[in-house]
Amino acid sequence: MLFRTAWRGQRVDAHLVPRSGPVLVVANHLGFLDGPFVFSMVPRRAHFIIKKQTFSGPMGALMEGVGQIPLDRSVADRAALGSALAVLRGGGAVGMFPEGTRGRGDVRAIHGGAAWLALQIGCPVVPVACLGTRTTGDGRSAIPRVRGRLVAVFGAPVVLEPDPGLPGRDRRRQVTEQLRVALHDHVLASVARTGIPLPDDELPPAPDAGR
């Protein structure tokens, strides 16, 4: 595996991912390699939602071949969410980076698509801390140094619990915040556990920051 030869890729507690049934895998987003790295570490086939710009040339054919879902981040892409919903309804696994774009990876804010999917199906959500793919001072598109340590730490599945007394929009906001807190807390705990820090810098929002 590339991530265990070019880098010291490692997955921790992957047994926490349910091996069957619908599940949503959500990870923080800090570096260029997050997508393929987390995808390669999930212990079952997963369909990740990935920006549509990736689906071009040989890379596009590869993405389609492994069942990834293109996302148009310039609009509220209902087609991508519909494709993800179909995977979950079929008992499959879907992966997302709910922060929407690369940053420090500390999950200060997320978009609502992941929580919406989890609510539609009532499926568990597994948080993943992606660490080491970008270090302090590196740009958003930097490749980690060769033989650097990359770790994906899987957390215990979370079931989002909305208040049935709230109106629909407020219920979605509530579960989105539940998901954000669960992922945020898992990332910080994983940093302490592994000793791999998040980048200690503040990057401006990317021009193509998405949903």
N, C-alpha and C. Protein backbone atom coordinates (compact mmCIF):
# COMPACT_ATOMS: atom_id res chain seq x y z
N MET A 1 0.84 -1.19 0.00
CA MET A 1 0.00 0.00 0.00
C MET A 1 0.88 1.25 0.00
N LEU A 2 0.50 2.21 -0.86
CA LEU A 2 1.29 3.43 -1.02
C LEU A 2 1.52 4.14 0.31
N PHE A 3 0.47 4.24 1.13
CA PHE A 3 0.59 5.01 2.37
C PHE A 3 1.40 4.29 3.44
N ARG A 4 1.79 3.06 3.18
CA ARG A 4 2.64 2.35 4.13
C ARG A 4 4.04 2.12 3.57
N THR A 5 4.29 2.64 2.37
CA THR A 5 5.63 2.56 1.78
C THR A 5 6.23 3.95 1.64
N ALA A 6 5.53 4.85 0.92
CA ALA A 6 6.02 6.22 0.79
C ALA A 6 5.92 6.98 2.11
N TRP A 7 4.90 6.63 2.91
CA TRP A 7 4.72 7.25 4.23
C TRP A 7 4.52 6.16 5.28
N ARG A 8 4.53 6.55 6.52
CA ARG A 8 4.25 5.60 7.59
C ARG A 8 2.78 5.71 7.97
N GLY A 9 1.95 5.22 7.05
CA GLY A 9 0.51 5.29 7.26
C GLY A 9 0.04 4.27 8.28
N GLN A 10 -0.89 4.69 9.12
CA GLN A 10 -1.38 3.82 10.19
C GLN A 10 -2.85 4.10 10.43
N ARG A 11 -3.61 3.04 10.69
CA ARG A 11 -4.98 3.23 11.12
C ARG A 11 -5.14 2.69 12.54
N VAL A 12 -5.92 3.39 13.32
CA VAL A 12 -6.09 3.05 14.73
C VAL A 12 -7.58 2.81 15.00
N ASP A 13 -7.89 1.70 15.64
CA ASP A 13 -9.27 1.37 16.05
C ASP A 13 -10.22 1.27 14.87
N ALA A 14 -9.73 0.75 13.75
CA ALA A 14 -10.60 0.57 12.59
C ALA A 14 -11.71 -0.45 12.87
N HIS A 15 -11.53 -1.27 13.89
CA HIS A 15 -12.57 -2.25 14.24
C HIS A 15 -13.85 -1.58 14.70
N LEU A 16 -13.81 -0.28 15.00
CA LEU A 16 -15.00 0.44 15.44
C LEU A 16 -15.96 0.74 14.29
N VAL A 17 -15.50 0.58 13.06
CA VAL A 17 -16.38 0.80 11.91
C VAL A 17 -17.26 -0.44 11.73
N PRO A 18 -18.59 -0.31 11.80
CA PRO A 18 -19.45 -1.47 11.57
C PRO A 18 -19.14 -2.12 10.23
N ARG A 19 -19.02 -3.44 10.21
CA ARG A 19 -18.62 -4.15 9.00
C ARG A 19 -19.78 -4.37 8.03
N SER A 20 -21.00 -4.11 8.47
CA SER A 20 -22.16 -4.25 7.58
C SER A 20 -23.19 -3.22 7.97
N GLY A 21 -24.13 -2.98 7.07
CA GLY A 21 -25.18 -2.01 7.31
C GLY A 21 -24.74 -0.60 6.97
N PRO A 22 -25.69 0.32 6.86
CA PRO A 22 -25.36 1.69 6.49
C PRO A 22 -24.54 2.38 7.58
N VAL A 23 -23.53 3.11 7.16
CA VAL A 23 -22.70 3.87 8.10
C VAL A 23 -22.12 5.07 7.37
N LEU A 24 -22.02 6.17 8.09
CA LEU A 24 -21.43 7.40 7.56
C LEU A 24 -20.10 7.62 8.26
N VAL A 25 -19.04 7.76 7.48
CA VAL A 25 -17.69 8.00 8.01
C VAL A 25 -17.36 9.47 7.77
N VAL A 26 -17.06 10.22 8.82
CA VAL A 26 -16.77 11.65 8.67
C VAL A 26 -15.38 11.95 9.24
N ALA A 27 -14.60 12.74 8.51
CA ALA A 27 -13.24 13.05 8.92
C ALA A 27 -12.97 14.54 8.85
N ASN A 28 -12.02 14.99 9.66
CA ASN A 28 -11.55 16.37 9.55
C ASN A 28 -10.72 16.52 8.29
N HIS A 29 -10.48 17.77 7.90
CA HIS A 29 -9.85 18.01 6.58
C HIS A 29 -8.76 19.06 6.71
N LEU A 30 -7.51 18.63 6.54
CA LEU A 30 -6.41 19.59 6.65
C LEU A 30 -5.41 19.53 5.51
N GLY A 31 -5.32 18.43 4.77
CA GLY A 31 -4.29 18.32 3.75
C GLY A 31 -4.76 17.73 2.44
N PHE A 32 -3.91 17.84 1.44
CA PHE A 32 -4.20 17.41 0.08
C PHE A 32 -4.48 15.91 -0.01
N LEU A 33 -3.80 15.12 0.80
CA LEU A 33 -3.94 13.66 0.71
C LEU A 33 -5.02 13.08 1.61
N ASP A 34 -5.77 13.91 2.29
CA ASP A 34 -6.78 13.40 3.23
C ASP A 34 -7.73 12.41 2.57
N GLY A 35 -8.26 12.77 1.40
CA GLY A 35 -9.25 11.92 0.74
C GLY A 35 -8.74 10.51 0.47
N PRO A 36 -7.68 10.37 -0.34
CA PRO A 36 -7.20 9.02 -0.62
C PRO A 36 -6.66 8.31 0.61
N PHE A 37 -6.10 9.06 1.56
CA PHE A 37 -5.57 8.41 2.76
C PHE A 37 -6.68 7.80 3.60
N VAL A 38 -7.69 8.60 3.94
CA VAL A 38 -8.78 8.07 4.77
C VAL A 38 -9.53 6.97 4.02
N PHE A 39 -9.76 7.16 2.73
CA PHE A 39 -10.41 6.13 1.92
C PHE A 39 -9.68 4.79 2.04
N SER A 40 -8.35 4.85 1.96
CA SER A 40 -7.56 3.61 2.00
C SER A 40 -7.55 2.97 3.38
N MET A 41 -7.88 3.73 4.42
CA MET A 41 -7.83 3.22 5.78
C MET A 41 -9.17 2.67 6.28
N VAL A 42 -10.27 3.01 5.62
CA VAL A 42 -11.57 2.49 6.03
C VAL A 42 -11.60 0.99 5.76
N PRO A 43 -11.97 0.17 6.74
CA PRO A 43 -11.85 -1.28 6.60
C PRO A 43 -12.99 -1.95 5.82
N ARG A 44 -13.76 -1.18 5.08
CA ARG A 44 -14.78 -1.74 4.19
C ARG A 44 -14.92 -0.78 3.02
N ARG A 45 -15.55 -1.23 1.97
CA ARG A 45 -15.71 -0.36 0.81
C ARG A 45 -16.55 0.84 1.19
N ALA A 46 -16.07 2.02 0.85
CA ALA A 46 -16.78 3.26 1.17
C ALA A 46 -16.83 4.15 -0.07
N HIS A 47 -17.95 4.83 -0.23
CA HIS A 47 -18.15 5.77 -1.34
C HIS A 47 -17.98 7.18 -0.79
N PHE A 48 -16.87 7.82 -1.11
CA PHE A 48 -16.60 9.15 -0.58
C PHE A 48 -17.15 10.21 -1.53
N ILE A 49 -17.69 11.27 -0.93
CA ILE A 49 -18.14 12.43 -1.70
C ILE A 49 -16.93 13.33 -1.92
N ILE A 50 -16.60 13.56 -3.20
CA ILE A 50 -15.36 14.26 -3.56
C ILE A 50 -15.69 15.35 -4.58
N LYS A 51 -15.00 16.47 -4.49
CA LYS A 51 -15.28 17.58 -5.42
C LYS A 51 -15.13 17.11 -6.87
N LYS A 52 -16.01 17.61 -7.71
CA LYS A 52 -16.11 17.12 -9.09
C LYS A 52 -14.85 17.40 -9.91
N GLN A 53 -14.05 18.41 -9.50
CA GLN A 53 -12.83 18.72 -10.26
C GLN A 53 -11.86 17.54 -10.29
N THR A 54 -12.00 16.64 -9.31
CA THR A 54 -11.12 15.47 -9.27
C THR A 54 -11.47 14.48 -10.36
N PHE A 55 -12.69 14.54 -10.88
CA PHE A 55 -13.17 13.56 -11.84
C PHE A 55 -12.82 13.98 -13.26
N SER A 56 -11.53 14.05 -13.56
CA SER A 56 -11.07 14.39 -14.90
C SER A 56 -9.81 13.59 -15.21
N GLY A 57 -9.64 13.23 -16.47
CA GLY A 57 -8.47 12.47 -16.90
C GLY A 57 -8.40 11.11 -16.24
N PRO A 58 -7.19 10.57 -16.15
CA PRO A 58 -7.01 9.24 -15.55
C PRO A 58 -7.51 9.17 -14.11
N MET A 59 -7.35 10.26 -13.35
CA MET A 59 -7.82 10.27 -11.98
C MET A 59 -9.34 10.13 -11.91
N GLY A 60 -10.01 10.78 -12.87
CA GLY A 60 -11.46 10.68 -12.90
C GLY A 60 -11.93 9.26 -13.14
N ALA A 61 -11.27 8.57 -14.05
CA ALA A 61 -11.63 7.17 -14.32
C ALA A 61 -11.40 6.31 -13.09
N LEU A 62 -10.32 6.59 -12.38
CA LEU A 62 -10.03 5.84 -11.15
C LEU A 62 -11.11 6.10 -10.10
N MET A 63 -11.48 7.37 -9.92
CA MET A 63 -12.50 7.72 -8.93
C MET A 63 -13.83 7.04 -9.25
N GLU A 64 -14.21 7.06 -10.53
CA GLU A 64 -15.46 6.42 -10.92
C GLU A 64 -15.38 4.91 -10.72
N GLY A 65 -14.20 4.34 -10.98
CA GLY A 65 -14.03 2.90 -10.87
C GLY A 65 -14.18 2.38 -9.46
N VAL A 66 -13.82 3.21 -8.47
CA VAL A 66 -13.95 2.77 -7.08
C VAL A 66 -15.22 3.32 -6.43
N GLY A 67 -16.11 3.88 -7.25
CA GLY A 67 -17.43 4.24 -6.77
C GLY A 67 -17.53 5.53 -5.99
N GLN A 68 -16.62 6.49 -6.25
CA GLN A 68 -16.70 7.75 -5.52
C GLN A 68 -17.79 8.65 -6.11
N ILE A 69 -18.25 9.61 -5.32
CA ILE A 69 -19.40 10.43 -5.69
C ILE A 69 -18.94 11.86 -5.94
N PRO A 70 -19.11 12.39 -7.18
CA PRO A 70 -18.69 13.77 -7.46
C PRO A 70 -19.62 14.79 -6.85
N LEU A 71 -19.04 15.88 -6.33
CA LEU A 71 -19.81 16.94 -5.70
C LEU A 71 -19.47 18.27 -6.37
N ASP A 72 -20.51 18.99 -6.79
CA ASP A 72 -20.35 20.34 -7.31
C ASP A 72 -20.45 21.30 -6.13
N ARG A 73 -19.32 21.85 -5.69
CA ARG A 73 -19.31 22.68 -4.49
C ARG A 73 -19.75 24.12 -4.75
N SER A 74 -20.05 24.44 -6.01
CA SER A 74 -20.51 25.80 -6.32
C SER A 74 -22.01 25.96 -6.10
N VAL A 75 -22.70 24.84 -5.88
CA VAL A 75 -24.15 24.87 -5.66
C VAL A 75 -24.50 23.91 -4.53
N ALA A 76 -25.76 23.94 -4.10
CA ALA A 76 -26.25 22.94 -3.17
C ALA A 76 -26.54 21.68 -4.00
N ASP A 77 -25.58 20.79 -4.03
CA ASP A 77 -25.61 19.65 -4.96
C ASP A 77 -26.50 18.52 -4.42
N ARG A 78 -27.77 18.56 -4.77
CA ARG A 78 -28.71 17.55 -4.31
C ARG A 78 -28.46 16.20 -4.97
N ALA A 79 -27.90 16.22 -6.18
CA ALA A 79 -27.62 14.96 -6.86
C ALA A 79 -26.58 14.14 -6.09
N ALA A 80 -25.55 14.81 -5.59
CA ALA A 80 -24.52 14.10 -4.82
C ALA A 80 -25.11 13.52 -3.54
N LEU A 81 -25.93 14.32 -2.84
CA LEU A 81 -26.55 13.82 -1.62
C LEU A 81 -27.52 12.68 -1.94
N GLY A 82 -28.20 12.78 -3.08
CA GLY A 82 -29.10 11.71 -3.48
C GLY A 82 -28.35 10.42 -3.75
N SER A 83 -27.19 10.52 -4.40
CA SER A 83 -26.37 9.33 -4.66
C SER A 83 -25.88 8.72 -3.36
N ALA A 84 -25.46 9.58 -2.41
CA ALA A 84 -25.00 9.08 -1.12
C ALA A 84 -26.14 8.42 -0.35
N LEU A 85 -27.32 9.00 -0.43
CA LEU A 85 -28.49 8.44 0.25
C LEU A 85 -28.82 7.06 -0.29
N ALA A 86 -28.69 6.89 -1.61
CA ALA A 86 -28.96 5.59 -2.22
C ALA A 86 -27.97 4.54 -1.73
N VAL A 87 -26.71 4.93 -1.57
CA VAL A 87 -25.69 4.00 -1.05
C VAL A 87 -26.07 3.56 0.37
N LEU A 88 -26.43 4.52 1.20
CA LEU A 88 -26.79 4.21 2.59
C LEU A 88 -28.04 3.33 2.65
N ARG A 89 -29.02 3.64 1.83
CA ARG A 89 -30.25 2.84 1.82
C ARG A 89 -29.98 1.42 1.37
N GLY A 90 -28.92 1.25 0.58
CA GLY A 90 -28.53 -0.08 0.15
C GLY A 90 -27.63 -0.80 1.13
N GLY A 91 -27.43 -0.21 2.32
CA GLY A 91 -26.61 -0.83 3.34
C GLY A 91 -25.12 -0.56 3.21
N GLY A 92 -24.76 0.46 2.42
CA GLY A 92 -23.35 0.75 2.18
C GLY A 92 -22.78 1.81 3.10
N ALA A 93 -21.50 2.12 2.88
CA ALA A 93 -20.78 3.12 3.67
C ALA A 93 -20.50 4.35 2.81
N VAL A 94 -20.70 5.52 3.39
CA VAL A 94 -20.42 6.79 2.71
C VAL A 94 -19.41 7.56 3.54
N GLY A 95 -18.44 8.18 2.87
CA GLY A 95 -17.45 8.99 3.56
C GLY A 95 -17.57 10.46 3.18
N MET A 96 -17.34 11.34 4.16
CA MET A 96 -17.44 12.78 3.92
C MET A 96 -16.41 13.54 4.75
N PHE A 97 -16.07 14.73 4.27
CA PHE A 97 -15.27 15.69 5.02
C PHE A 97 -16.15 16.91 5.26
N PRO A 98 -16.92 16.91 6.35
CA PRO A 98 -17.97 17.92 6.52
C PRO A 98 -17.48 19.35 6.72
N GLU A 99 -16.18 19.55 6.99
CA GLU A 99 -15.67 20.92 7.04
C GLU A 99 -15.74 21.57 5.67
N GLY A 100 -15.73 20.75 4.63
CA GLY A 100 -15.94 21.26 3.27
C GLY A 100 -14.71 21.70 2.53
N THR A 101 -13.65 22.05 3.22
CA THR A 101 -12.42 22.47 2.57
C THR A 101 -11.28 22.29 3.55
N ARG A 102 -10.05 22.30 3.05
CA ARG A 102 -8.89 22.11 3.92
C ARG A 102 -8.66 23.33 4.79
N GLY A 103 -8.26 23.05 6.02
CA GLY A 103 -7.95 24.11 6.96
C GLY A 103 -7.08 23.56 8.07
N ARG A 104 -7.29 24.04 9.27
CA ARG A 104 -6.49 23.55 10.41
C ARG A 104 -6.92 22.16 10.84
N GLY A 105 -8.15 21.78 10.48
CA GLY A 105 -8.61 20.45 10.81
C GLY A 105 -9.14 20.30 12.22
N ASP A 106 -9.47 21.42 12.88
CA ASP A 106 -9.96 21.33 14.26
C ASP A 106 -11.48 21.41 14.36
N VAL A 107 -12.14 21.36 13.20
CA VAL A 107 -13.60 21.22 13.12
C VAL A 107 -14.32 22.34 13.87
N ARG A 108 -13.99 23.58 13.53
CA ARG A 108 -14.67 24.72 14.14
C ARG A 108 -16.07 24.92 13.56
N ALA A 109 -16.25 24.47 12.33
CA ALA A 109 -17.55 24.60 11.69
C ALA A 109 -17.68 23.49 10.65
N ILE A 110 -18.90 23.04 10.41
CA ILE A 110 -19.14 22.04 9.38
C ILE A 110 -20.40 22.43 8.61
N HIS A 111 -20.53 21.86 7.43
CA HIS A 111 -21.75 22.00 6.65
C HIS A 111 -22.73 20.91 7.07
N GLY A 112 -23.98 21.07 6.69
CA GLY A 112 -25.03 20.21 7.22
C GLY A 112 -25.32 18.94 6.47
N GLY A 113 -24.64 18.69 5.34
CA GLY A 113 -24.98 17.52 4.53
C GLY A 113 -24.82 16.19 5.24
N ALA A 114 -23.76 16.04 6.01
CA ALA A 114 -23.52 14.76 6.70
C ALA A 114 -24.61 14.49 7.73
N ALA A 115 -24.97 15.50 8.51
CA ALA A 115 -26.01 15.31 9.51
C ALA A 115 -27.35 15.02 8.83
N TRP A 116 -27.63 15.66 7.72
CA TRP A 116 -28.87 15.41 6.99
C TRP A 116 -28.95 13.96 6.54
N LEU A 117 -27.85 13.44 6.00
CA LEU A 117 -27.83 12.05 5.56
C LEU A 117 -28.06 11.10 6.73
N ALA A 118 -27.38 11.35 7.84
CA ALA A 118 -27.53 10.48 9.00
C ALA A 118 -28.96 10.49 9.52
N LEU A 119 -29.62 11.65 9.46
CA LEU A 119 -31.00 11.75 9.92
C LEU A 119 -31.94 10.98 9.00
N GLN A 120 -31.70 11.05 7.70
CA GLN A 120 -32.59 10.38 6.75
C GLN A 120 -32.60 8.87 6.97
N ILE A 121 -31.46 8.31 7.33
CA ILE A 121 -31.32 6.86 7.45
C ILE A 121 -31.37 6.40 8.90
N GLY A 122 -30.98 7.27 9.83
CA GLY A 122 -30.86 6.86 11.21
C GLY A 122 -29.65 5.98 11.44
N CYS A 123 -28.62 6.16 10.60
CA CYS A 123 -27.44 5.30 10.67
C CYS A 123 -26.39 5.87 11.62
N PRO A 124 -25.48 5.03 12.10
CA PRO A 124 -24.40 5.52 12.95
C PRO A 124 -23.40 6.34 12.14
N VAL A 125 -22.73 7.24 12.83
CA VAL A 125 -21.69 8.07 12.22
C VAL A 125 -20.38 7.77 12.93
N VAL A 126 -19.34 7.42 12.17
CA VAL A 126 -18.03 7.13 12.74
C VAL A 126 -17.10 8.32 12.50
N PRO A 127 -16.65 8.99 13.56
CA PRO A 127 -15.71 10.09 13.38
C PRO A 127 -14.29 9.57 13.14
N VAL A 128 -13.56 10.26 12.28
CA VAL A 128 -12.17 9.88 11.99
C VAL A 128 -11.29 11.11 12.12
N ALA A 129 -10.23 10.98 12.90
CA ALA A 129 -9.22 12.04 13.00
C ALA A 129 -8.11 11.74 12.01
N CYS A 130 -7.97 12.60 11.01
CA CYS A 130 -6.90 12.47 10.01
C CYS A 130 -5.76 13.38 10.46
N LEU A 131 -4.60 12.80 10.74
CA LEU A 131 -3.48 13.55 11.32
C LEU A 131 -2.20 13.32 10.52
N GLY A 132 -1.40 14.38 10.40
CA GLY A 132 -0.09 14.27 9.77
C GLY A 132 -0.05 14.60 8.30
N THR A 133 -1.20 14.82 7.66
CA THR A 133 -1.19 15.07 6.22
C THR A 133 -0.78 16.50 5.87
N ARG A 134 -0.78 17.38 6.87
CA ARG A 134 -0.24 18.73 6.68
C ARG A 134 0.35 19.19 7.99
N THR A 135 1.50 19.85 7.92
CA THR A 135 2.16 20.34 9.13
C THR A 135 2.27 21.85 9.09
N THR A 136 2.64 22.44 10.21
CA THR A 136 2.72 23.89 10.33
C THR A 136 3.60 24.49 9.24
N GLY A 137 3.07 25.50 8.55
CA GLY A 137 3.82 26.18 7.51
C GLY A 137 3.61 25.64 6.12
N ASP A 138 3.04 24.43 6.00
CA ASP A 138 2.77 23.85 4.69
C ASP A 138 1.53 24.49 4.07
N GLY A 139 1.53 24.63 2.74
CA GLY A 139 0.35 25.11 2.04
C GLY A 139 -0.71 24.03 1.94
N ARG A 140 -1.88 24.42 1.53
CA ARG A 140 -3.00 23.49 1.43
C ARG A 140 -2.73 22.33 0.49
N SER A 141 -1.92 22.54 -0.53
CA SER A 141 -1.68 21.50 -1.53
C SER A 141 -0.36 20.77 -1.32
N ALA A 142 0.28 21.00 -0.18
CA ALA A 142 1.57 20.37 0.09
C ALA A 142 1.42 18.86 0.26
N ILE A 143 2.43 18.12 -0.21
CA ILE A 143 2.49 16.68 -0.02
C ILE A 143 3.31 16.42 1.25
N PRO A 144 2.85 15.56 2.15
CA PRO A 144 3.64 15.27 3.35
C PRO A 144 5.03 14.74 3.00
N ARG A 145 6.00 15.02 3.86
CA ARG A 145 7.35 14.54 3.59
C ARG A 145 7.37 13.02 3.55
N VAL A 146 8.24 12.49 2.70
CA VAL A 146 8.36 11.05 2.54
C VAL A 146 8.72 10.41 3.89
N ARG A 147 8.07 9.30 4.17
CA ARG A 147 8.21 8.54 5.41
C ARG A 147 7.68 9.28 6.64
N GLY A 148 6.95 10.37 6.39
CA GLY A 148 6.29 11.04 7.50
C GLY A 148 5.17 10.15 8.06
N ARG A 149 4.78 10.41 9.27
CA ARG A 149 3.77 9.60 9.94
C ARG A 149 2.38 10.16 9.65
N LEU A 150 1.53 9.35 9.06
CA LEU A 150 0.13 9.70 8.79
C LEU A 150 -0.75 8.73 9.57
N VAL A 151 -1.71 9.24 10.29
CA VAL A 151 -2.55 8.38 11.12
C VAL A 151 -4.02 8.72 10.93
N ALA A 152 -4.84 7.68 10.78
CA ALA A 152 -6.29 7.82 10.78
C ALA A 152 -6.80 7.11 12.03
N VAL A 153 -7.37 7.88 12.95
CA VAL A 153 -7.87 7.32 14.21
C VAL A 153 -9.40 7.27 14.13
N PHE A 154 -9.95 6.06 14.19
CA PHE A 154 -11.40 5.88 14.12
C PHE A 154 -12.00 5.95 15.53
N GLY A 155 -13.14 6.59 15.62
CA GLY A 155 -13.82 6.72 16.90
C GLY A 155 -15.04 5.84 17.00
N ALA A 156 -15.60 5.76 18.18
CA ALA A 156 -16.80 4.95 18.38
C ALA A 156 -17.96 5.55 17.60
N PRO A 157 -18.81 4.71 17.02
CA PRO A 157 -19.96 5.22 16.26
C PRO A 157 -20.87 6.09 17.13
N VAL A 158 -21.36 7.15 16.52
CA VAL A 158 -22.27 8.10 17.18
C VAL A 158 -23.62 8.03 16.48
N VAL A 159 -24.69 8.00 17.26
CA VAL A 159 -26.04 8.09 16.70
C VAL A 159 -26.59 9.46 17.07
N LEU A 160 -26.91 10.26 16.06
CA LEU A 160 -27.41 11.61 16.30
C LEU A 160 -28.84 11.54 16.84
N GLU A 161 -29.13 12.36 17.82
CA GLU A 161 -30.43 12.31 18.50
C GLU A 161 -31.10 13.68 18.49
N PRO A 162 -31.91 13.93 17.47
CA PRO A 162 -32.60 15.23 17.42
C PRO A 162 -33.76 15.29 18.41
N ASP A 163 -34.09 16.50 18.80
CA ASP A 163 -35.25 16.73 19.65
C ASP A 163 -36.49 16.73 18.75
N PRO A 164 -37.38 15.74 18.89
CA PRO A 164 -38.55 15.66 18.00
C PRO A 164 -39.50 16.84 18.15
N GLY A 165 -39.35 17.60 19.23
CA GLY A 165 -40.22 18.75 19.43
C GLY A 165 -39.80 19.98 18.66
N LEU A 166 -38.61 19.95 18.06
CA LEU A 166 -38.11 21.11 17.33
C LEU A 166 -38.63 21.11 15.89
N PRO A 167 -38.81 22.30 15.29
CA PRO A 167 -39.14 22.37 13.86
C PRO A 167 -38.01 21.76 13.04
N GLY A 168 -38.31 21.36 11.82
CA GLY A 168 -37.34 20.67 10.98
C GLY A 168 -36.00 21.36 10.83
N ARG A 169 -36.03 22.66 10.55
CA ARG A 169 -34.77 23.40 10.34
C ARG A 169 -33.95 23.44 11.62
N ASP A 170 -34.60 23.68 12.75
CA ASP A 170 -33.88 23.73 14.02
C ASP A 170 -33.35 22.35 14.40
N ARG A 171 -34.08 21.32 14.04
CA ARG A 171 -33.63 19.95 14.32
C ARG A 171 -32.36 19.64 13.53
N ARG A 172 -32.32 20.08 12.27
CA ARG A 172 -31.12 19.86 11.46
C ARG A 172 -29.93 20.63 12.04
N ARG A 173 -30.17 21.84 12.49
CA ARG A 173 -29.08 22.62 13.10
C ARG A 173 -28.58 21.93 14.37
N GLN A 174 -29.50 21.40 15.14
CA GLN A 174 -29.14 20.72 16.38
C GLN A 174 -28.24 19.51 16.12
N VAL A 175 -28.63 18.67 15.17
CA VAL A 175 -27.83 17.46 14.93
C VAL A 175 -26.52 17.79 14.21
N THR A 176 -26.52 18.86 13.42
CA THR A 176 -25.26 19.29 12.80
C THR A 176 -24.26 19.68 13.88
N GLU A 177 -24.74 20.39 14.91
CA GLU A 177 -23.85 20.78 16.00
C GLU A 177 -23.44 19.55 16.82
N GLN A 178 -24.33 18.59 17.01
CA GLN A 178 -23.96 17.35 17.68
C GLN A 178 -22.82 16.65 16.94
N LEU A 179 -22.95 16.61 15.63
CA LEU A 179 -21.91 15.97 14.81
C LEU A 179 -20.61 16.75 14.88
N ARG A 180 -20.69 18.07 14.79
CA ARG A 180 -19.47 18.89 14.85
C ARG A 180 -18.73 18.66 16.16
N VAL A 181 -19.46 18.69 17.27
CA VAL A 181 -18.83 18.51 18.58
C VAL A 181 -18.21 17.12 18.69
N ALA A 182 -18.91 16.10 18.22
CA ALA A 182 -18.37 14.74 18.29
C ALA A 182 -17.07 14.61 17.51
N LEU A 183 -17.03 15.19 16.30
CA LEU A 183 -15.82 15.11 15.49
C LEU A 183 -14.71 15.97 16.08
N HIS A 184 -15.05 17.18 16.52
CA HIS A 184 -14.07 18.08 17.14
C HIS A 184 -13.42 17.42 18.35
N ASP A 185 -14.25 16.88 19.24
CA ASP A 185 -13.71 16.26 20.46
C ASP A 185 -12.84 15.05 20.13
N HIS A 186 -13.26 14.27 19.12
CA HIS A 186 -12.48 13.09 18.73
C HIS A 186 -11.13 13.50 18.15
N VAL A 187 -11.10 14.55 17.35
CA VAL A 187 -9.83 15.01 16.76
C VAL A 187 -8.88 15.45 17.87
N LEU A 188 -9.36 16.25 18.81
CA LEU A 188 -8.48 16.74 19.88
C LEU A 188 -7.99 15.59 20.76
N ALA A 189 -8.86 14.64 21.04
CA ALA A 189 -8.43 13.47 21.83
C ALA A 189 -7.40 12.65 21.08
N SER A 190 -7.54 12.57 19.76
CA SER A 190 -6.60 11.79 18.95
C SER A 190 -5.25 12.47 18.85
N VAL A 191 -5.25 13.80 18.81
CA VAL A 191 -3.99 14.56 18.84
C VAL A 191 -3.23 14.24 20.12
N ALA A 192 -3.94 14.27 21.25
CA ALA A 192 -3.31 13.97 22.53
C ALA A 192 -2.82 12.52 22.58
N ARG A 193 -3.58 11.63 22.00
CA ARG A 193 -3.25 10.20 22.04
C ARG A 193 -2.04 9.87 21.18
N THR A 194 -1.96 10.44 19.99
CA THR A 194 -0.90 10.09 19.04
C THR A 194 0.33 10.98 19.15
N GLY A 195 0.16 12.18 19.69
CA GLY A 195 1.26 13.13 19.73
C GLY A 195 1.50 13.84 18.41
N ILE A 196 0.58 13.68 17.46
CA ILE A 196 0.71 14.35 16.16
C ILE A 196 -0.13 15.62 16.20
N PRO A 197 0.48 16.80 16.14
CA PRO A 197 -0.28 18.04 16.27
C PRO A 197 -0.99 18.43 14.99
N LEU A 198 -2.02 19.24 15.13
CA LEU A 198 -2.62 19.89 13.98
C LEU A 198 -1.70 21.04 13.55
N PRO A 199 -1.80 21.49 12.29
CA PRO A 199 -0.98 22.63 11.86
C PRO A 199 -1.26 23.85 12.73
N ASP A 200 -0.21 24.48 13.21
CA ASP A 200 -0.36 25.63 14.09
C ASP A 200 -0.31 26.91 13.26
N ASP A 201 -1.30 27.05 12.40
CA ASP A 201 -1.36 28.25 11.58
C ASP A 201 -2.81 28.49 11.20
N GLU A 202 -3.04 29.67 10.68
CA GLU A 202 -4.38 30.05 10.24
C GLU A 202 -4.30 30.37 8.76
N LEU A 203 -4.94 29.55 7.95
CA LEU A 203 -4.94 29.77 6.52
C LEU A 203 -6.23 30.50 6.12
N PRO A 204 -6.15 31.41 5.13
CA PRO A 204 -7.38 32.04 4.65
C PRO A 204 -8.24 31.01 3.95
N PRO A 205 -9.55 31.23 3.87
CA PRO A 205 -10.42 30.27 3.19
C PRO A 205 -9.98 30.06 1.75
N ALA A 206 -10.07 28.81 1.29
CA ALA A 206 -9.74 28.50 -0.09
C ALA A 206 -10.76 29.13 -1.02
N PRO A 207 -10.35 29.54 -2.24
CA PRO A 207 -11.30 30.18 -3.18
C PRO A 207 -12.48 29.31 -3.51
N ASP A 208 -12.28 27.97 -3.50
CA ASP A 208 -13.35 27.06 -3.90
C ASP A 208 -13.96 26.38 -2.70
N ALA A 209 -13.95 27.06 -1.54
CA ALA A 209 -14.52 26.44 -0.34
C ALA A 209 -15.96 26.02 -0.62
N GLY A 210 -16.29 24.80 -0.22
CA GLY A 210 -17.58 24.25 -0.63
C GLY A 210 -18.47 23.88 0.51
N ARG A 211 -19.53 23.13 0.15
CA ARG A 211 -20.53 22.73 1.12
C ARG A 211 -20.24 21.37 1.67
